């Protein structure tokens, strides 16, 4: 699978945003320590922009910027054969066709290394009004099934089911994860103490107040 395959499988923008918010809330419950979370969401990343992100702690990551212009996605798999560190910069075609409305993200410091090089192996975008996700024209290298890391990076985005998240979370956090609670959050039902307790008995709604504001996720007191 490559970014081109991911583009055909990604949900539309509203569904993708809701999915990212749901995963961020679930991780806030499972991992009160922000630094150890895999997925996060910042509804106030910058004026008029929200950002969903994934960081696995081993150098692999993605960032998804939601704005009035549309959505820009950049991902980096440090072991991908298309890594810019093994090819004197981003792989040809990955960033070349990014439309002008998103070009400033290519040089965004948050998505570049200390030398200003874009840290990216896969890039997708969708302008407001577009009917599909878009990817640049890329001549992928032969001999590998996941040359840009897209299959690994975006696995939970192209298979947006509660069951998929539970499998990930049980493997990553090494704890049982209540499927009904995951389904509750994936449906964007207001978060309650009962749902929180089903996922993490040591956490209260008060503990999650800042996270829920950051994600703009609905909650109730009980």
N, C-alpha and C. Protein backbone atom coordinates (compact mmCIF):
# COMPACT_ATOMS: atom_id res chain seq x y z
N UNK A 1 0.84 -1.19 0.00
CA UNK A 1 0.00 0.00 0.00
C UNK A 1 0.88 1.25 0.00
N UNK A 2 0.48 2.25 -0.79
CA UNK A 2 1.17 3.53 -0.84
C UNK A 2 0.17 4.64 -0.52
N UNK A 3 0.65 5.87 -0.53
CA UNK A 3 -0.25 7.01 -0.29
C UNK A 3 -1.38 7.04 -1.31
N UNK A 4 -1.13 6.57 -2.53
CA UNK A 4 -2.19 6.54 -3.54
C UNK A 4 -3.30 5.58 -3.12
N UNK A 5 -2.96 4.46 -2.53
CA UNK A 5 -3.97 3.52 -2.03
C UNK A 5 -4.71 4.12 -0.85
N UNK A 6 -3.98 4.78 0.03
CA UNK A 6 -4.60 5.43 1.19
C UNK A 6 -5.61 6.47 0.73
N UNK A 7 -5.27 7.22 -0.31
CA UNK A 7 -6.17 8.26 -0.82
C UNK A 7 -7.51 7.69 -1.24
N UNK A 8 -7.52 6.48 -1.73
CA UNK A 8 -8.78 5.85 -2.15
C UNK A 8 -9.58 5.32 -0.97
N UNK A 9 -8.93 5.12 0.16
CA UNK A 9 -9.57 4.49 1.31
C UNK A 9 -9.93 5.44 2.44
N UNK A 10 -9.31 6.60 2.48
CA UNK A 10 -9.58 7.54 3.57
C UNK A 10 -11.04 7.97 3.59
N UNK A 11 -11.61 8.13 4.78
CA UNK A 11 -12.97 8.69 4.85
C UNK A 11 -12.98 10.15 4.43
N UNK A 12 -14.16 10.70 4.25
CA UNK A 12 -14.24 12.12 3.87
C UNK A 12 -13.79 12.99 5.05
N UNK A 13 -13.72 14.28 4.81
CA UNK A 13 -13.13 15.18 5.81
C UNK A 13 -13.88 15.18 7.14
N UNK A 14 -15.20 15.35 7.17
CA UNK A 14 -15.87 15.33 8.47
C UNK A 14 -15.67 14.02 9.23
N UNK A 15 -15.73 12.91 8.53
CA UNK A 15 -15.54 11.62 9.19
C UNK A 15 -14.10 11.46 9.68
N UNK A 16 -13.14 11.93 8.90
CA UNK A 16 -11.74 11.84 9.32
C UNK A 16 -11.50 12.68 10.56
N UNK A 17 -12.05 13.88 10.58
CA UNK A 17 -11.88 14.76 11.75
C UNK A 17 -12.49 14.12 12.99
N UNK A 18 -13.69 13.57 12.86
CA UNK A 18 -14.33 12.93 14.01
C UNK A 18 -13.53 11.72 14.48
N UNK A 19 -13.00 10.95 13.54
CA UNK A 19 -12.18 9.79 13.90
C UNK A 19 -10.95 10.23 14.68
N UNK A 20 -10.29 11.27 14.22
CA UNK A 20 -9.09 11.75 14.90
C UNK A 20 -9.42 12.27 16.30
N UNK A 21 -10.53 12.94 16.43
CA UNK A 21 -10.95 13.42 17.75
C UNK A 21 -11.24 12.25 18.68
N UNK A 22 -11.91 11.25 18.17
CA UNK A 22 -12.26 10.09 19.00
C UNK A 22 -11.02 9.36 19.49
N UNK A 23 -10.06 9.14 18.58
CA UNK A 23 -8.84 8.44 19.00
C UNK A 23 -8.08 9.25 20.03
N UNK A 24 -8.07 10.58 19.88
CA UNK A 24 -7.36 11.42 20.83
C UNK A 24 -7.99 11.35 22.21
N UNK A 25 -9.31 11.33 22.28
CA UNK A 25 -9.99 11.24 23.57
C UNK A 25 -9.73 9.88 24.22
N UNK A 26 -9.81 8.83 23.44
CA UNK A 26 -9.55 7.50 23.99
C UNK A 26 -8.14 7.41 24.55
N UNK A 27 -7.19 7.99 23.85
CA UNK A 27 -5.81 7.94 24.37
C UNK A 27 -5.63 8.82 25.59
N UNK A 28 -6.37 9.92 25.67
CA UNK A 28 -6.29 10.76 26.86
C UNK A 28 -6.76 9.98 28.08
N UNK A 29 -7.75 9.11 27.88
CA UNK A 29 -8.25 8.29 28.98
C UNK A 29 -7.26 7.17 29.30
N UNK A 30 -6.75 6.52 28.29
CA UNK A 30 -5.84 5.39 28.50
C UNK A 30 -4.46 5.82 28.96
N UNK A 31 -4.05 7.02 28.57
CA UNK A 31 -2.71 7.50 28.89
C UNK A 31 -2.77 8.94 29.38
N UNK A 32 -2.98 9.15 30.68
CA UNK A 32 -3.03 10.52 31.21
C UNK A 32 -1.76 11.32 30.92
N UNK A 33 -0.63 10.65 30.78
CA UNK A 33 0.62 11.32 30.44
C UNK A 33 0.64 11.63 28.95
N UNK A 34 0.51 12.91 28.60
CA UNK A 34 0.41 13.31 27.20
C UNK A 34 1.61 12.83 26.39
N UNK A 35 2.78 12.85 26.97
CA UNK A 35 3.99 12.51 26.24
C UNK A 35 4.05 11.08 25.75
N UNK A 36 3.27 10.19 26.34
CA UNK A 36 3.31 8.79 25.94
C UNK A 36 2.16 8.41 25.02
N UNK A 37 1.34 9.37 24.65
CA UNK A 37 0.19 9.07 23.79
C UNK A 37 0.62 8.90 22.33
N UNK A 38 -0.10 8.08 21.65
CA UNK A 38 0.14 7.79 20.24
C UNK A 38 -0.58 8.80 19.36
N UNK A 39 -1.85 9.06 19.67
CA UNK A 39 -2.68 9.98 18.88
C UNK A 39 -3.07 11.19 19.73
N UNK A 40 -3.12 12.36 19.12
CA UNK A 40 -3.57 13.55 19.83
C UNK A 40 -4.31 14.46 18.85
N UNK A 41 -4.99 15.45 19.40
CA UNK A 41 -5.75 16.39 18.58
C UNK A 41 -5.75 17.74 19.28
N UNK A 42 -5.42 18.79 18.54
CA UNK A 42 -5.38 20.14 19.09
C UNK A 42 -6.30 21.03 18.26
N UNK A 43 -7.48 21.33 18.80
CA UNK A 43 -8.44 22.15 18.08
C UNK A 43 -8.02 23.61 18.01
N UNK A 44 -7.00 23.99 18.77
CA UNK A 44 -6.51 25.37 18.74
C UNK A 44 -5.05 25.43 18.33
N UNK A 45 -4.66 24.59 17.39
CA UNK A 45 -3.25 24.52 16.97
C UNK A 45 -2.74 25.88 16.51
N UNK A 46 -3.53 26.58 15.72
CA UNK A 46 -3.24 27.95 15.32
C UNK A 46 -4.56 28.57 14.91
N UNK A 47 -4.62 29.89 14.76
CA UNK A 47 -5.90 30.51 14.41
C UNK A 47 -6.51 29.91 13.15
N UNK A 48 -7.69 29.36 13.28
CA UNK A 48 -8.40 28.79 12.15
C UNK A 48 -7.92 27.42 11.72
N UNK A 49 -7.04 26.81 12.51
CA UNK A 49 -6.49 25.51 12.13
C UNK A 49 -6.54 24.54 13.31
N UNK A 50 -6.89 23.31 13.02
CA UNK A 50 -6.84 22.22 13.98
C UNK A 50 -5.82 21.20 13.48
N UNK A 51 -5.18 20.49 14.40
CA UNK A 51 -4.23 19.48 13.97
C UNK A 51 -4.39 18.18 14.74
N UNK A 52 -4.49 17.10 13.99
CA UNK A 52 -4.43 15.75 14.55
C UNK A 52 -3.03 15.22 14.29
N UNK A 53 -2.51 14.45 15.23
CA UNK A 53 -1.16 13.93 15.05
C UNK A 53 -1.02 12.54 15.62
N UNK A 54 -0.02 11.85 15.11
CA UNK A 54 0.37 10.54 15.60
C UNK A 54 1.87 10.55 15.81
N UNK A 55 2.32 10.07 16.95
CA UNK A 55 3.74 9.92 17.25
C UNK A 55 3.91 8.58 17.95
N UNK A 56 4.76 7.71 17.41
CA UNK A 56 4.89 6.39 18.03
C UNK A 56 6.08 6.30 18.98
N UNK A 57 6.82 7.39 19.14
CA UNK A 57 7.95 7.38 20.06
C UNK A 57 9.21 6.79 19.48
N UNK A 58 9.14 6.28 18.26
CA UNK A 58 10.32 5.69 17.61
C UNK A 58 10.71 6.43 16.34
N UNK A 59 10.10 7.60 16.15
CA UNK A 59 10.47 8.41 14.99
C UNK A 59 9.46 8.41 13.87
N UNK A 60 8.38 7.65 14.00
CA UNK A 60 7.35 7.62 12.97
C UNK A 60 6.20 8.53 13.40
N UNK A 61 5.62 9.26 12.44
CA UNK A 61 4.62 10.24 12.81
C UNK A 61 3.78 10.67 11.61
N UNK A 62 2.63 11.27 11.92
CA UNK A 62 1.90 12.00 10.90
C UNK A 62 1.25 13.22 11.53
N UNK A 63 0.95 14.19 10.69
CA UNK A 63 0.24 15.39 11.10
C UNK A 63 -0.85 15.66 10.09
N UNK A 64 -2.03 16.03 10.59
CA UNK A 64 -3.18 16.32 9.73
C UNK A 64 -3.70 17.69 10.13
N UNK A 65 -3.62 18.64 9.20
CA UNK A 65 -4.09 19.99 9.48
C UNK A 65 -5.45 20.20 8.83
N UNK A 66 -6.44 20.57 9.65
CA UNK A 66 -7.78 20.89 9.17
C UNK A 66 -7.95 22.40 9.18
N UNK A 67 -8.32 22.96 8.05
CA UNK A 67 -8.49 24.41 7.96
C UNK A 67 -9.62 24.73 6.99
N UNK A 68 -9.94 26.00 6.85
CA UNK A 68 -10.98 26.41 5.91
C UNK A 68 -10.60 26.05 4.48
N UNK A 69 -9.30 25.96 4.21
CA UNK A 69 -8.83 25.64 2.85
C UNK A 69 -8.99 24.16 2.52
N UNK A 70 -9.10 23.33 3.54
CA UNK A 70 -9.20 21.89 3.35
C UNK A 70 -8.36 21.15 4.36
N UNK A 71 -7.74 20.06 3.93
CA UNK A 71 -6.96 19.21 4.83
C UNK A 71 -5.62 18.86 4.18
N UNK A 72 -4.56 18.99 4.96
CA UNK A 72 -3.21 18.64 4.51
C UNK A 72 -2.67 17.55 5.44
N UNK A 73 -2.15 16.48 4.86
CA UNK A 73 -1.64 15.35 5.63
C UNK A 73 -0.20 15.08 5.23
N UNK A 74 0.69 15.01 6.21
CA UNK A 74 2.06 14.59 5.93
C UNK A 74 2.44 13.51 6.93
N UNK A 75 3.09 12.47 6.44
CA UNK A 75 3.50 11.36 7.28
C UNK A 75 4.95 11.02 7.05
N UNK A 76 5.58 10.48 8.09
CA UNK A 76 6.99 10.12 8.01
C UNK A 76 7.23 8.78 8.68
N UNK A 77 7.76 7.84 7.90
CA UNK A 77 8.18 6.53 8.41
C UNK A 77 9.70 6.50 8.32
N UNK A 78 10.36 6.45 9.46
CA UNK A 78 11.82 6.60 9.45
C UNK A 78 12.53 5.42 8.80
N UNK A 79 11.84 4.29 8.65
CA UNK A 79 12.45 3.13 8.02
C UNK A 79 12.05 2.97 6.55
N UNK A 80 11.20 3.85 6.04
CA UNK A 80 10.74 3.74 4.66
C UNK A 80 11.89 3.99 3.69
N UNK A 81 11.87 3.28 2.58
CA UNK A 81 12.93 3.48 1.58
C UNK A 81 12.83 4.86 0.94
N UNK A 82 11.69 5.52 1.09
CA UNK A 82 11.52 6.86 0.55
C UNK A 82 11.84 7.95 1.57
N UNK A 83 12.53 7.59 2.63
CA UNK A 83 12.91 8.59 3.63
C UNK A 83 13.79 9.67 3.00
N UNK A 84 13.53 10.93 3.33
CA UNK A 84 14.38 12.00 2.79
C UNK A 84 15.82 11.91 3.25
N UNK A 85 16.06 11.22 4.34
CA UNK A 85 17.42 11.10 4.86
C UNK A 85 18.27 10.12 4.07
N UNK A 86 17.64 9.31 3.24
CA UNK A 86 18.41 8.40 2.41
C UNK A 86 18.40 8.79 0.95
N UNK A 87 17.77 9.95 0.67
CA UNK A 87 17.59 10.34 -0.73
C UNK A 87 17.87 11.82 -0.99
N UNK A 88 18.67 12.45 -0.14
CA UNK A 88 19.02 13.87 -0.33
C UNK A 88 17.78 14.75 -0.41
N UNK A 89 16.80 14.47 0.42
CA UNK A 89 15.59 15.28 0.45
C UNK A 89 14.36 14.45 0.16
N UNK A 90 13.19 15.06 0.22
CA UNK A 90 11.94 14.33 -0.04
C UNK A 90 11.96 13.64 -1.40
N UNK A 91 11.34 12.47 -1.45
CA UNK A 91 11.29 11.69 -2.68
C UNK A 91 10.59 12.49 -3.77
N UNK A 92 11.11 12.46 -5.01
CA UNK A 92 10.50 13.22 -6.10
C UNK A 92 9.01 12.92 -6.25
N UNK A 93 8.23 13.97 -6.34
CA UNK A 93 6.79 13.84 -6.53
C UNK A 93 5.97 13.91 -5.27
N UNK A 94 6.58 13.62 -4.12
CA UNK A 94 5.81 13.59 -2.87
C UNK A 94 5.24 14.97 -2.54
N UNK A 95 6.05 16.01 -2.73
CA UNK A 95 5.62 17.37 -2.38
C UNK A 95 5.47 18.30 -3.59
N UNK A 96 5.92 17.85 -4.74
CA UNK A 96 5.98 18.74 -5.90
C UNK A 96 4.63 19.29 -6.33
N UNK A 97 3.56 18.52 -6.13
CA UNK A 97 2.24 18.92 -6.61
C UNK A 97 1.34 19.49 -5.53
N UNK A 98 1.88 19.71 -4.34
CA UNK A 98 1.06 20.30 -3.28
C UNK A 98 0.53 21.64 -3.77
N UNK A 99 -0.79 21.86 -3.74
CA UNK A 99 -1.34 23.11 -4.27
C UNK A 99 -0.94 24.33 -3.45
N UNK A 100 -1.03 25.48 -4.09
CA UNK A 100 -0.55 26.72 -3.48
C UNK A 100 -1.19 26.98 -2.13
N UNK A 101 -2.45 26.62 -1.98
CA UNK A 101 -3.16 26.91 -0.73
C UNK A 101 -2.55 26.16 0.45
N UNK A 102 -1.81 25.07 0.16
CA UNK A 102 -1.17 24.29 1.21
C UNK A 102 0.36 24.40 1.20
N UNK A 103 0.93 25.17 0.29
CA UNK A 103 2.38 25.17 0.13
C UNK A 103 3.12 25.61 1.39
N UNK A 104 2.51 26.47 2.19
CA UNK A 104 3.22 26.94 3.38
C UNK A 104 3.44 25.83 4.39
N UNK A 105 2.64 24.76 4.30
CA UNK A 105 2.85 23.64 5.22
C UNK A 105 4.12 22.85 4.87
N UNK A 106 4.53 22.91 3.62
CA UNK A 106 5.73 22.17 3.21
C UNK A 106 6.94 22.65 4.00
N UNK A 107 7.00 23.96 4.25
CA UNK A 107 8.13 24.53 4.99
C UNK A 107 7.78 24.83 6.44
N UNK A 108 6.61 24.40 6.89
CA UNK A 108 6.21 24.62 8.29
C UNK A 108 7.24 23.99 9.23
N UNK A 109 7.81 24.77 10.14
CA UNK A 109 8.84 24.22 11.05
C UNK A 109 8.41 22.97 11.79
N UNK A 110 7.14 22.85 12.13
CA UNK A 110 6.66 21.67 12.85
C UNK A 110 6.78 20.41 12.02
N UNK A 111 6.88 20.56 10.69
CA UNK A 111 6.94 19.41 9.80
C UNK A 111 8.31 19.26 9.13
N UNK A 112 9.27 20.01 9.65
CA UNK A 112 10.64 19.97 9.10
C UNK A 112 11.64 19.68 10.22
N UNK A 113 12.85 19.27 9.83
CA UNK A 113 13.89 19.07 10.83
C UNK A 113 14.60 20.38 11.12
N UNK A 114 15.63 20.32 11.96
CA UNK A 114 16.31 21.54 12.39
C UNK A 114 17.02 22.26 11.25
N UNK A 115 17.23 21.56 10.14
CA UNK A 115 17.86 22.19 8.98
C UNK A 115 16.83 22.70 7.97
N UNK A 116 15.55 22.57 8.31
CA UNK A 116 14.51 23.06 7.43
C UNK A 116 14.07 22.08 6.35
N UNK A 117 14.55 20.84 6.42
CA UNK A 117 14.15 19.85 5.43
C UNK A 117 12.81 19.22 5.83
N UNK A 118 11.84 19.16 4.91
CA UNK A 118 10.57 18.50 5.23
C UNK A 118 10.80 17.04 5.61
N UNK A 119 10.26 16.66 6.76
CA UNK A 119 10.38 15.29 7.24
C UNK A 119 9.13 14.56 6.79
N UNK A 120 9.19 13.96 5.60
CA UNK A 120 7.99 13.40 4.99
C UNK A 120 8.33 12.24 4.06
N UNK A 121 7.54 11.20 4.12
CA UNK A 121 7.63 10.11 3.15
C UNK A 121 6.31 9.95 2.40
N UNK A 122 5.22 10.50 2.95
CA UNK A 122 3.91 10.41 2.32
C UNK A 122 3.14 11.70 2.55
N UNK A 123 2.46 12.19 1.53
CA UNK A 123 1.72 13.44 1.65
C UNK A 123 0.42 13.32 0.86
N UNK A 124 -0.67 13.76 1.48
CA UNK A 124 -1.98 13.77 0.84
C UNK A 124 -2.67 15.09 1.17
N UNK A 125 -3.63 15.48 0.35
CA UNK A 125 -4.35 16.71 0.63
C UNK A 125 -5.73 16.65 -0.01
N UNK A 126 -6.59 17.53 0.48
CA UNK A 126 -7.95 17.63 -0.09
C UNK A 126 -8.44 19.05 0.13
N UNK A 127 -8.56 19.80 -0.95
CA UNK A 127 -9.05 21.16 -0.84
C UNK A 127 -10.56 21.17 -0.61
N UNK A 128 -11.05 22.22 0.04
CA UNK A 128 -12.48 22.37 0.24
C UNK A 128 -13.17 22.35 -1.12
N UNK A 129 -14.17 21.53 -1.25
CA UNK A 129 -14.86 21.39 -2.53
C UNK A 129 -14.36 20.25 -3.37
N UNK A 130 -13.18 19.70 -3.03
CA UNK A 130 -12.67 18.53 -3.75
C UNK A 130 -13.58 17.33 -3.50
N UNK A 131 -13.63 16.44 -4.47
CA UNK A 131 -14.45 15.24 -4.30
C UNK A 131 -13.63 14.02 -3.94
N UNK A 132 -12.32 14.20 -3.75
CA UNK A 132 -11.47 13.07 -3.40
C UNK A 132 -10.15 13.57 -2.81
N UNK A 133 -9.43 12.64 -2.18
CA UNK A 133 -8.09 12.93 -1.68
C UNK A 133 -7.09 12.88 -2.84
N UNK A 134 -6.06 13.69 -2.75
CA UNK A 134 -5.09 13.78 -3.84
C UNK A 134 -3.67 13.50 -3.34
N UNK A 135 -2.87 13.00 -4.25
CA UNK A 135 -1.46 12.67 -3.99
C UNK A 135 -0.67 13.07 -5.23
N UNK A 136 0.60 13.40 -5.05
CA UNK A 136 1.42 13.77 -6.20
C UNK A 136 1.70 12.59 -7.13
N UNK A 137 2.23 12.90 -8.29
CA UNK A 137 2.64 11.87 -9.24
C UNK A 137 4.01 11.35 -8.81
N UNK A 138 4.03 10.09 -8.41
CA UNK A 138 5.23 9.52 -7.79
C UNK A 138 5.63 8.23 -8.49
N UNK A 139 6.89 8.12 -8.78
CA UNK A 139 7.45 6.87 -9.31
C UNK A 139 8.01 6.10 -8.11
N UNK A 140 7.22 5.16 -7.63
CA UNK A 140 7.61 4.46 -6.41
C UNK A 140 8.74 3.47 -6.69
N UNK A 141 9.62 3.28 -5.72
CA UNK A 141 10.71 2.30 -5.89
C UNK A 141 10.17 0.88 -5.90
N UNK A 142 10.84 0.02 -6.61
CA UNK A 142 10.44 -1.38 -6.70
C UNK A 142 10.97 -2.16 -5.49
N UNK A 143 10.38 -3.32 -5.27
CA UNK A 143 10.94 -4.26 -4.30
C UNK A 143 10.42 -4.14 -2.89
N UNK A 144 9.44 -3.27 -2.64
CA UNK A 144 8.88 -3.17 -1.30
C UNK A 144 7.40 -2.87 -1.40
N UNK A 145 6.61 -3.44 -0.49
CA UNK A 145 5.16 -3.28 -0.54
C UNK A 145 4.69 -2.01 0.15
N UNK A 146 5.55 -1.36 0.92
CA UNK A 146 5.16 -0.16 1.67
C UNK A 146 6.29 0.86 1.58
N UNK A 147 6.61 1.35 0.37
CA UNK A 147 7.81 2.17 0.19
C UNK A 147 7.78 3.51 0.92
N UNK A 148 6.57 4.07 1.13
CA UNK A 148 6.48 5.36 1.80
C UNK A 148 5.97 5.25 3.23
N UNK A 149 5.74 4.03 3.69
CA UNK A 149 5.26 3.82 5.06
C UNK A 149 3.78 4.08 5.24
N UNK A 150 3.05 4.38 4.15
CA UNK A 150 1.65 4.76 4.27
C UNK A 150 0.79 3.66 4.87
N UNK A 151 1.07 2.41 4.53
CA UNK A 151 0.28 1.30 5.06
C UNK A 151 0.35 1.26 6.57
N UNK A 152 1.54 1.46 7.10
CA UNK A 152 1.72 1.45 8.55
C UNK A 152 1.20 2.73 9.19
N UNK A 153 1.57 3.87 8.63
CA UNK A 153 1.24 5.15 9.25
C UNK A 153 -0.26 5.38 9.38
N UNK A 154 -1.00 5.06 8.33
CA UNK A 154 -2.41 5.43 8.27
C UNK A 154 -3.36 4.25 8.47
N UNK A 155 -2.86 3.18 9.07
CA UNK A 155 -3.65 1.95 9.21
C UNK A 155 -4.98 2.18 9.91
N UNK A 156 -5.00 2.98 10.98
CA UNK A 156 -6.24 3.17 11.72
C UNK A 156 -7.14 4.23 11.09
N UNK A 157 -6.62 4.95 10.09
CA UNK A 157 -7.44 5.93 9.39
C UNK A 157 -8.19 5.29 8.23
N UNK A 158 -7.60 4.30 7.60
CA UNK A 158 -8.27 3.64 6.47
C UNK A 158 -9.13 2.46 6.93
N UNK A 159 -9.01 2.09 8.20
CA UNK A 159 -9.85 1.04 8.78
C UNK A 159 -10.45 1.61 10.07
N UNK A 160 -11.39 2.55 9.93
CA UNK A 160 -11.85 3.34 11.06
C UNK A 160 -12.92 2.67 11.92
N UNK A 161 -12.61 1.50 12.44
CA UNK A 161 -13.58 0.78 13.26
C UNK A 161 -13.13 0.75 14.71
N UNK A 162 -14.07 0.70 15.65
CA UNK A 162 -13.71 0.56 17.06
C UNK A 162 -12.86 -0.68 17.32
N UNK A 163 -13.14 -1.75 16.61
CA UNK A 163 -12.39 -2.98 16.81
C UNK A 163 -10.91 -2.80 16.44
N UNK A 164 -10.67 -2.04 15.39
CA UNK A 164 -9.29 -1.77 14.98
C UNK A 164 -8.55 -0.97 16.05
N UNK A 165 -9.21 0.03 16.61
CA UNK A 165 -8.57 0.81 17.66
C UNK A 165 -8.32 -0.04 18.90
N UNK A 166 -9.29 -0.88 19.26
CA UNK A 166 -9.09 -1.71 20.45
C UNK A 166 -7.89 -2.62 20.27
N UNK A 167 -7.74 -3.23 19.10
CA UNK A 167 -6.58 -4.11 18.88
C UNK A 167 -5.29 -3.33 19.02
N UNK A 168 -5.25 -2.14 18.45
CA UNK A 168 -4.06 -1.30 18.58
C UNK A 168 -3.78 -0.97 20.04
N UNK A 169 -4.80 -0.49 20.76
CA UNK A 169 -4.60 -0.03 22.13
C UNK A 169 -4.20 -1.16 23.06
N UNK A 170 -4.79 -2.33 22.90
CA UNK A 170 -4.42 -3.45 23.76
C UNK A 170 -2.98 -3.87 23.51
N UNK A 171 -2.54 -3.79 22.27
CA UNK A 171 -1.16 -4.14 21.96
C UNK A 171 -0.20 -3.06 22.47
N UNK A 172 -0.54 -1.80 22.27
CA UNK A 172 0.37 -0.69 22.62
C UNK A 172 0.45 -0.47 24.12
N UNK A 173 -0.70 -0.47 24.79
CA UNK A 173 -0.73 -0.18 26.23
C UNK A 173 -0.69 -1.44 27.09
N UNK A 174 -0.87 -2.60 26.45
CA UNK A 174 -0.80 -3.87 27.15
C UNK A 174 -1.79 -3.95 28.31
N UNK A 175 -3.03 -3.49 28.04
CA UNK A 175 -4.12 -3.58 29.00
C UNK A 175 -5.39 -3.96 28.24
N UNK A 176 -6.35 -4.59 28.92
CA UNK A 176 -7.63 -4.85 28.26
C UNK A 176 -8.34 -3.52 27.97
N UNK A 177 -9.01 -3.44 26.85
CA UNK A 177 -9.72 -2.22 26.47
C UNK A 177 -11.19 -2.57 26.18
N UNK A 178 -12.08 -1.91 26.87
CA UNK A 178 -13.51 -2.18 26.77
C UNK A 178 -14.04 -1.73 25.40
N UNK A 179 -14.56 -2.67 24.62
CA UNK A 179 -15.01 -2.35 23.27
C UNK A 179 -16.24 -1.45 23.27
N UNK A 180 -17.15 -1.65 24.19
CA UNK A 180 -18.35 -0.80 24.22
C UNK A 180 -17.97 0.65 24.51
N UNK A 181 -16.97 0.85 25.36
CA UNK A 181 -16.52 2.21 25.66
C UNK A 181 -15.89 2.84 24.41
N UNK A 182 -15.12 2.06 23.68
CA UNK A 182 -14.53 2.56 22.44
C UNK A 182 -15.62 2.93 21.44
N UNK A 183 -16.62 2.07 21.32
CA UNK A 183 -17.73 2.36 20.41
C UNK A 183 -18.46 3.64 20.81
N UNK A 184 -18.62 3.86 22.11
CA UNK A 184 -19.28 5.06 22.62
C UNK A 184 -18.53 6.31 22.16
N UNK A 185 -17.21 6.29 22.29
CA UNK A 185 -16.41 7.45 21.91
C UNK A 185 -16.35 7.61 20.39
N UNK A 186 -16.25 6.50 19.68
CA UNK A 186 -16.22 6.57 18.22
C UNK A 186 -17.52 7.16 17.67
N UNK A 187 -18.61 6.98 18.39
CA UNK A 187 -19.90 7.54 17.98
C UNK A 187 -20.04 9.00 18.41
N UNK A 188 -19.04 9.53 19.09
CA UNK A 188 -19.02 10.91 19.59
C UNK A 188 -20.15 11.18 20.57
N UNK A 189 -20.58 10.14 21.29
CA UNK A 189 -21.52 10.36 22.36
C UNK A 189 -20.81 11.11 23.49
N UNK A 190 -21.52 11.94 24.23
CA UNK A 190 -20.88 12.68 25.32
C UNK A 190 -20.17 11.73 26.29
N UNK A 191 -18.99 12.12 26.69
CA UNK A 191 -18.20 11.30 27.60
C UNK A 191 -18.78 11.37 29.00
N UNK A 192 -18.86 10.23 29.65
CA UNK A 192 -19.38 10.15 31.02
C UNK A 192 -18.35 9.47 31.91
N UNK A 193 -18.55 9.60 33.21
CA UNK A 193 -17.64 8.95 34.14
C UNK A 193 -17.70 7.44 33.99
N UNK A 194 -18.85 6.91 33.67
CA UNK A 194 -18.97 5.46 33.51
C UNK A 194 -18.11 4.96 32.36
N UNK A 195 -18.09 5.70 31.27
CA UNK A 195 -17.27 5.30 30.13
C UNK A 195 -15.79 5.44 30.47
N UNK A 196 -15.44 6.53 31.13
CA UNK A 196 -14.04 6.72 31.54
C UNK A 196 -13.59 5.59 32.45
N UNK A 197 -14.42 5.23 33.42
CA UNK A 197 -14.06 4.17 34.37
C UNK A 197 -13.90 2.83 33.67
N UNK A 198 -14.71 2.58 32.66
CA UNK A 198 -14.60 1.32 31.92
C UNK A 198 -13.25 1.19 31.23
N UNK A 199 -12.64 2.34 30.91
CA UNK A 199 -11.34 2.33 30.23
C UNK A 199 -10.17 2.53 31.19
N UNK A 200 -10.39 3.31 32.24
CA UNK A 200 -9.33 3.61 33.19
C UNK A 200 -9.97 3.94 34.54
N UNK A 201 -9.96 2.99 35.44
CA UNK A 201 -10.63 3.14 36.73
C UNK A 201 -9.98 4.19 37.62
N UNK A 202 -8.77 4.62 37.28
CA UNK A 202 -8.04 5.58 38.11
C UNK A 202 -8.25 7.02 37.67
N UNK A 203 -9.09 7.26 36.65
CA UNK A 203 -9.22 8.59 36.08
C UNK A 203 -10.62 9.14 36.31
N UNK A 204 -10.71 10.45 36.47
CA UNK A 204 -12.00 11.11 36.64
C UNK A 204 -12.25 12.08 35.49
N UNK A 205 -13.50 12.49 35.35
CA UNK A 205 -13.84 13.48 34.34
C UNK A 205 -13.06 14.77 34.55
N UNK A 206 -12.85 15.13 35.80
CA UNK A 206 -12.10 16.35 36.09
C UNK A 206 -10.68 16.26 35.55
N UNK A 207 -10.09 15.07 35.65
CA UNK A 207 -8.74 14.89 35.14
C UNK A 207 -8.66 15.15 33.63
N UNK A 208 -9.78 14.94 32.93
CA UNK A 208 -9.80 15.04 31.48
C UNK A 208 -10.28 16.38 30.96
N UNK A 209 -10.55 17.31 31.86
CA UNK A 209 -11.18 18.58 31.45
C UNK A 209 -10.39 19.29 30.36
N UNK A 210 -9.09 19.43 30.54
CA UNK A 210 -8.28 20.15 29.55
C UNK A 210 -8.22 19.41 28.22
N UNK A 211 -8.13 18.09 28.29
CA UNK A 211 -8.07 17.29 27.06
C UNK A 211 -9.36 17.42 26.26
N UNK A 212 -10.49 17.41 26.94
CA UNK A 212 -11.77 17.50 26.25
C UNK A 212 -11.95 18.87 25.59
N UNK A 213 -11.42 19.89 26.23
CA UNK A 213 -11.46 21.23 25.62
C UNK A 213 -10.57 21.26 24.39
N UNK A 214 -9.38 20.67 24.49
CA UNK A 214 -8.44 20.68 23.37
C UNK A 214 -9.00 19.96 22.16
N UNK A 215 -9.78 18.91 22.41
CA UNK A 215 -10.34 18.11 21.32
C UNK A 215 -11.72 18.63 20.91
N UNK A 216 -12.32 19.48 21.74
CA UNK A 216 -13.69 19.96 21.54
C UNK A 216 -14.64 18.76 21.51
N UNK A 217 -14.49 17.94 22.52
CA UNK A 217 -15.31 16.73 22.62
C UNK A 217 -16.40 16.95 23.67
N UNK A 218 -17.65 16.53 23.40
CA UNK A 218 -18.74 16.74 24.35
C UNK A 218 -18.60 15.83 25.58
N UNK A 219 -19.07 16.33 26.72
CA UNK A 219 -19.02 15.53 27.94
C UNK A 219 -20.19 15.91 28.83
N UNK A 220 -20.50 15.01 29.77
CA UNK A 220 -21.49 15.29 30.80
C UNK A 220 -20.86 14.96 32.14
N UNK A 221 -21.43 15.46 33.18
CA UNK A 221 -20.81 15.30 34.49
C UNK A 221 -20.89 13.90 35.03
N UNK A 222 -21.94 13.16 34.73
CA UNK A 222 -22.14 11.88 35.36
C UNK A 222 -21.73 10.71 34.54
